[in-house]
């Protein structure tokens, strides 16, 4: 009699575990969008975008305000041109906003952090952020420290 209730209970437990693992994988992967509203696009040019990928987060003061939609190389100046999709309700990015590529944690994912300036003119569709800070490449940094130590 106990076996009749035990087997379906184990089956339900296993199915619930598989569903929980699937939901965790979707949450961690970032496939599901956090926000499905309208956006506007702006661009930023960086000397190096090492480790930055499409769909990377764009954050201001730790708050997600958009995603990276495209990264390409400009053949005229050999700089990376990053297209940013900013949520439409974030209409307060001034023209002197600074875009910096940062890392979440020591070896975490790269994201773009926007520091809003004090200019009264605001960025709009198609504008470009002129003040940028490129990604810090850990290997280059280690190489510089090692060469300085060996001198």
C-alpha atoms as a PDB file:
ATOM      1  CA  UNK A   1       0.000   0.000   0.000  1.00  0.00           C
ATOM      2  CA  UNK A   2       2.802   2.404   0.850  1.00  0.00           C
ATOM      3  CA  UNK A   3       4.519   1.636  -2.439  1.00  0.00           C
ATOM      4  CA  UNK A   4       1.443   2.765  -4.389  1.00  0.00           C
ATOM      5  CA  UNK A   5       1.835   6.332  -3.000  1.00  0.00           C
ATOM      6  CA  UNK A   6       5.627   6.397  -2.951  1.00  0.00           C
ATOM      7  CA  UNK A   7       6.251   5.942  -6.689  1.00  0.00           C
ATOM      8  CA  UNK A   8       3.955   8.791  -7.897  1.00  0.00           C
ATOM      9  CA  UNK A   9       5.389  11.027  -5.161  1.00  0.00           C
ATOM     10  CA  UNK A  10       8.923  10.385  -6.396  1.00  0.00           C
ATOM     11  CA  UNK A  11       7.796  11.091  -9.974  1.00  0.00           C
ATOM     12  CA  UNK A  12       6.225  14.417  -8.989  1.00  0.00           C
ATOM     13  CA  UNK A  13       9.380  15.351  -7.068  1.00  0.00           C
ATOM     14  CA  UNK A  14      11.601  14.605 -10.081  1.00  0.00           C
ATOM     15  CA  UNK A  15       9.375  16.593 -12.474  1.00  0.00           C
ATOM     16  CA  UNK A  16       9.348  19.554 -10.059  1.00  0.00           C
ATOM     17  CA  UNK A  17      13.161  19.399  -9.855  1.00  0.00           C
ATOM     18  CA  UNK A  18      13.509  19.411 -13.646  1.00  0.00           C
ATOM     19  CA  UNK A  19      11.140  22.391 -13.942  1.00  0.00           C
ATOM     20  CA  UNK A  20      13.090  24.257 -11.240  1.00  0.00           C
ATOM     21  CA  UNK A  21      16.410  23.597 -13.027  1.00  0.00           C
ATOM     22  CA  UNK A  22      14.942  24.823 -16.324  1.00  0.00           C
ATOM     23  CA  UNK A  23      13.667  28.025 -14.711  1.00  0.00           C
ATOM     24  CA  UNK A  24      17.057  28.603 -13.052  1.00  0.00           C
ATOM     25  CA  UNK A  25      18.858  28.092 -16.382  1.00  0.00           C
ATOM     26  CA  UNK A  26      16.559  30.617 -18.096  1.00  0.00           C
ATOM     27  CA  UNK A  27      17.101  33.167 -15.335  1.00  0.00           C
ATOM     28  CA  UNK A  28      20.896  32.831 -15.331  1.00  0.00           C
ATOM     29  CA  UNK A  29      21.296  32.758 -19.124  1.00  0.00           C
ATOM     30  CA  UNK A  30      19.511  36.073 -19.657  1.00  0.00           C
ATOM     31  CA  UNK A  31      17.560  34.688 -22.619  1.00  0.00           C
ATOM     32  CA  UNK A  32      14.323  36.000 -21.241  1.00  0.00           C
ATOM     33  CA  UNK A  33      14.242  39.780 -21.407  1.00  0.00           C
ATOM     34  CA  UNK A  34      13.710  41.644 -18.168  1.00  0.00           C
ATOM     35  CA  UNK A  35      11.781  44.348 -19.941  1.00  0.00           C
ATOM     36  CA  UNK A  36       9.758  44.221 -23.115  1.00  0.00           C
ATOM     37  CA  UNK A  37       9.198  47.918 -23.682  1.00  0.00           C
ATOM     38  CA  UNK A  38      10.219  50.254 -26.451  1.00  0.00           C
ATOM     39  CA  UNK A  39      13.817  51.399 -26.814  1.00  0.00           C
ATOM     40  CA  UNK A  40      15.869  53.992 -28.627  1.00  0.00           C
ATOM     41  CA  UNK A  41      19.386  53.416 -29.950  1.00  0.00           C
ATOM     42  CA  UNK A  42      22.570  55.371 -29.418  1.00  0.00           C
ATOM     43  CA  UNK A  43      26.170  54.462 -30.218  1.00  0.00           C
ATOM     44  CA  UNK A  44      29.515  54.650 -28.441  1.00  0.00           C
ATOM     45  CA  UNK A  45      33.062  54.122 -29.772  1.00  0.00           C
ATOM     46  CA  UNK A  46      35.640  52.213 -27.742  1.00  0.00           C
ATOM     47  CA  UNK A  47      39.316  51.467 -28.333  1.00  0.00           C
ATOM     48  CA  UNK A  48      38.761  47.973 -26.904  1.00  0.00           C
ATOM     49  CA  UNK A  49      35.619  46.012 -26.081  1.00  0.00           C
ATOM     50  CA  UNK A  50      37.468  42.873 -24.978  1.00  0.00           C
ATOM     51  CA  UNK A  51      34.940  40.472 -23.479  1.00  0.00           C
ATOM     52  CA  UNK A  52      31.849  42.597 -24.174  1.00  0.00           C
ATOM     53  CA  UNK A  53      29.130  40.693 -26.013  1.00  0.00           C
ATOM     54  CA  UNK A  54      25.835  41.461 -27.667  1.00  0.00           C
ATOM     55  CA  UNK A  55      22.939  41.425 -25.158  1.00  0.00           C
ATOM     56  CA  UNK A  56      25.318  42.683 -22.443  1.00  0.00           C
ATOM     57  CA  UNK A  57      23.653  44.841 -19.795  1.00  0.00           C
ATOM     58  CA  UNK A  58      23.713  48.632 -19.792  1.00  0.00           C
ATOM     59  CA  UNK A  59      23.472  49.983 -16.272  1.00  0.00           C
ATOM     60  CA  UNK A  60      23.268  53.327 -14.516  1.00  0.00           C
ATOM     61  CA  UNK A  61      23.745  53.417 -10.734  1.00  0.00           C
ATOM     62  CA  UNK A  62      23.363  49.627 -10.711  1.00  0.00           C
ATOM     63  CA  UNK A  63      19.973  49.747 -12.468  1.00  0.00           C
ATOM     64  CA  UNK A  64      19.453  47.935 -15.778  1.00  0.00           C
ATOM     65  CA  UNK A  65      18.421  50.491 -18.426  1.00  0.00           C
ATOM     66  CA  UNK A  66      19.154  48.669 -21.673  1.00  0.00           C
ATOM     67  CA  UNK A  67      21.131  46.106 -23.660  1.00  0.00           C
ATOM     68  CA  UNK A  68      23.940  46.056 -26.215  1.00  0.00           C
ATOM     69  CA  UNK A  69      22.442  45.200 -29.599  1.00  0.00           C
ATOM     70  CA  UNK A  70      25.432  45.335 -31.962  1.00  0.00           C
ATOM     71  CA  UNK A  71      29.228  45.489 -31.881  1.00  0.00           C
ATOM     72  CA  UNK A  72      31.202  46.154 -35.045  1.00  0.00           C
ATOM     73  CA  UNK A  73      34.598  47.485 -36.114  1.00  0.00           C
ATOM     74  CA  UNK A  74      34.788  50.836 -37.887  1.00  0.00           C
ATOM     75  CA  UNK A  75      37.339  50.327 -40.693  1.00  0.00           C
ATOM     76  CA  UNK A  76      38.139  54.044 -40.877  1.00  0.00           C
ATOM     77  CA  UNK A  77      39.546  54.437 -37.349  1.00  0.00           C
ATOM     78  CA  UNK A  78      39.772  50.786 -36.193  1.00  0.00           C
ATOM     79  CA  UNK A  79      37.633  51.410 -33.132  1.00  0.00           C
ATOM     80  CA  UNK A  80      34.701  49.309 -31.968  1.00  0.00           C
ATOM     81  CA  UNK A  81      31.285  50.856 -32.521  1.00  0.00           C
ATOM     82  CA  UNK A  82      28.762  49.602 -29.964  1.00  0.00           C
ATOM     83  CA  UNK A  83      25.048  50.132 -30.524  1.00  0.00           C
ATOM     84  CA  UNK A  84      23.088  50.517 -27.295  1.00  0.00           C
ATOM     85  CA  UNK A  85      19.331  49.989 -26.970  1.00  0.00           C
ATOM     86  CA  UNK A  86      18.163  52.188 -24.092  1.00  0.00           C
ATOM     87  CA  UNK A  87      14.687  51.852 -22.578  1.00  0.00           C
ATOM     88  CA  UNK A  88      12.393  54.601 -23.847  1.00  0.00           C
ATOM     89  CA  UNK A  89      11.535  55.760 -20.309  1.00  0.00           C
ATOM     90  CA  UNK A  90      15.229  56.564 -19.683  1.00  0.00           C
ATOM     91  CA  UNK A  91      15.135  59.950 -21.412  1.00  0.00           C
ATOM     92  CA  UNK A  92      17.474  61.762 -19.031  1.00  0.00           C
ATOM     93  CA  UNK A  93      20.887  60.757 -20.436  1.00  0.00           C
ATOM     94  CA  UNK A  94      22.732  64.023 -21.028  1.00  0.00           C
ATOM     95  CA  UNK A  95      25.046  64.571 -23.991  1.00  0.00           C
ATOM     96  CA  UNK A  96      28.071  64.493 -21.667  1.00  0.00           C
ATOM     97  CA  UNK A  97      27.249  61.001 -20.378  1.00  0.00           C
ATOM     98  CA  UNK A  98      30.297  58.747 -19.939  1.00  0.00           C
ATOM     99  CA  UNK A  99      30.174  55.095 -21.079  1.00  0.00           C
ATOM    100  CA  UNK A 100      32.636  52.697 -19.450  1.00  0.00           C
ATOM    101  CA  UNK A 101      33.024  48.958 -19.932  1.00  0.00           C
ATOM    102  CA  UNK A 102      33.190  47.312 -16.532  1.00  0.00           C
ATOM    103  CA  UNK A 103      33.321  43.804 -15.144  1.00  0.00           C
ATOM    104  CA  UNK A 104      30.833  42.290 -12.725  1.00  0.00           C
ATOM    105  CA  UNK A 105      33.172  40.799 -10.133  1.00  0.00           C
ATOM    106  CA  UNK A 106      36.765  39.735 -10.734  1.00  0.00           C
ATOM    107  CA  UNK A 107      36.179  37.445 -13.698  1.00  0.00           C
ATOM    108  CA  UNK A 108      32.499  38.135 -14.329  1.00  0.00           C
ATOM    109  CA  UNK A 109      30.627  39.304 -17.384  1.00  0.00           C
ATOM    110  CA  UNK A 110      31.314  42.666 -18.996  1.00  0.00           C
ATOM    111  CA  UNK A 111      28.664  45.375 -19.044  1.00  0.00           C
ATOM    112  CA  UNK A 112      28.461  49.058 -19.925  1.00  0.00           C
ATOM    113  CA  UNK A 113      28.105  51.510 -17.052  1.00  0.00           C
ATOM    114  CA  UNK A 114      26.734  54.924 -17.951  1.00  0.00           C
ATOM    115  CA  UNK A 115      27.600  57.915 -15.751  1.00  0.00           C
ATOM    116  CA  UNK A 116      25.162  60.725 -16.390  1.00  0.00           C
ATOM    117  CA  UNK A 117      26.647  64.189 -16.768  1.00  0.00           C
ATOM    118  CA  UNK A 118      25.271  67.632 -15.997  1.00  0.00           C
ATOM    119  CA  UNK A 119      24.595  68.981 -19.491  1.00  0.00           C
ATOM    120  CA  UNK A 120      21.066  70.210 -20.154  1.00  0.00           C
ATOM    121  CA  UNK A 121      20.878  68.659 -23.651  1.00  0.00           C
ATOM    122  CA  UNK A 122      19.757  65.036 -23.701  1.00  0.00           C
ATOM    123  CA  UNK A 123      20.777  62.128 -25.937  1.00  0.00           C
ATOM    124  CA  UNK A 124      18.156  61.049 -28.449  1.00  0.00           C
ATOM    125  CA  UNK A 125      17.737  58.412 -31.153  1.00  0.00           C
ATOM    126  CA  UNK A 126      20.893  58.018 -33.252  1.00  0.00           C
ATOM    127  CA  UNK A 127      23.183  60.172 -31.072  1.00  0.00           C
ATOM    128  CA  UNK A 128      26.678  59.082 -30.054  1.00  0.00           C
ATOM    129  CA  UNK A 129      28.324  59.074 -26.637  1.00  0.00           C
ATOM    130  CA  UNK A 130      31.671  60.766 -27.172  1.00  0.00           C
ATOM    131  CA  UNK A 131      33.327  60.133 -23.793  1.00  0.00           C
ATOM    132  CA  UNK A 132      34.107  56.435 -23.320  1.00  0.00           C
ATOM    133  CA  UNK A 133      36.413  54.242 -21.251  1.00  0.00           C
ATOM    134  CA  UNK A 134      37.489  50.940 -22.785  1.00  0.00           C
ATOM    135  CA  UNK A 135      37.599  47.540 -21.153  1.00  0.00           C
ATOM    136  CA  UNK A 136      40.574  46.665 -18.985  1.00  0.00           C
ATOM    137  CA  UNK A 137      42.204  43.544 -20.387  1.00  0.00           C
ATOM    138  CA  UNK A 138      43.437  41.488 -17.444  1.00  0.00           C
ATOM    139  CA  UNK A 139      46.239  39.831 -19.448  1.00  0.00           C
ATOM    140  CA  UNK A 140      47.649  43.220 -20.518  1.00  0.00           C
ATOM    141  CA  UNK A 141      47.488  44.508 -16.959  1.00  0.00           C
ATOM    142  CA  UNK A 142      49.336  41.454 -15.615  1.00  0.00           C
ATOM    143  CA  UNK A 143      51.947  41.832 -18.388  1.00  0.00           C
ATOM    144  CA  UNK A 144      52.586  45.468 -17.447  1.00  0.00           C
ATOM    145  CA  UNK A 145      52.929  44.617 -13.756  1.00  0.00           C
ATOM    146  CA  UNK A 146      55.288  41.724 -14.497  1.00  0.00           C
ATOM    147  CA  UNK A 147      57.471  43.839 -16.793  1.00  0.00           C
ATOM    148  CA  UNK A 148      57.628  46.599 -14.172  1.00  0.00           C
ATOM    149  CA  UNK A 149      58.656  44.078 -11.508  1.00  0.00           C
ATOM    150  CA  UNK A 150      61.433  42.591 -13.639  1.00  0.00           C
ATOM    151  CA  UNK A 151      63.131  45.953 -14.260  1.00  0.00           C
END
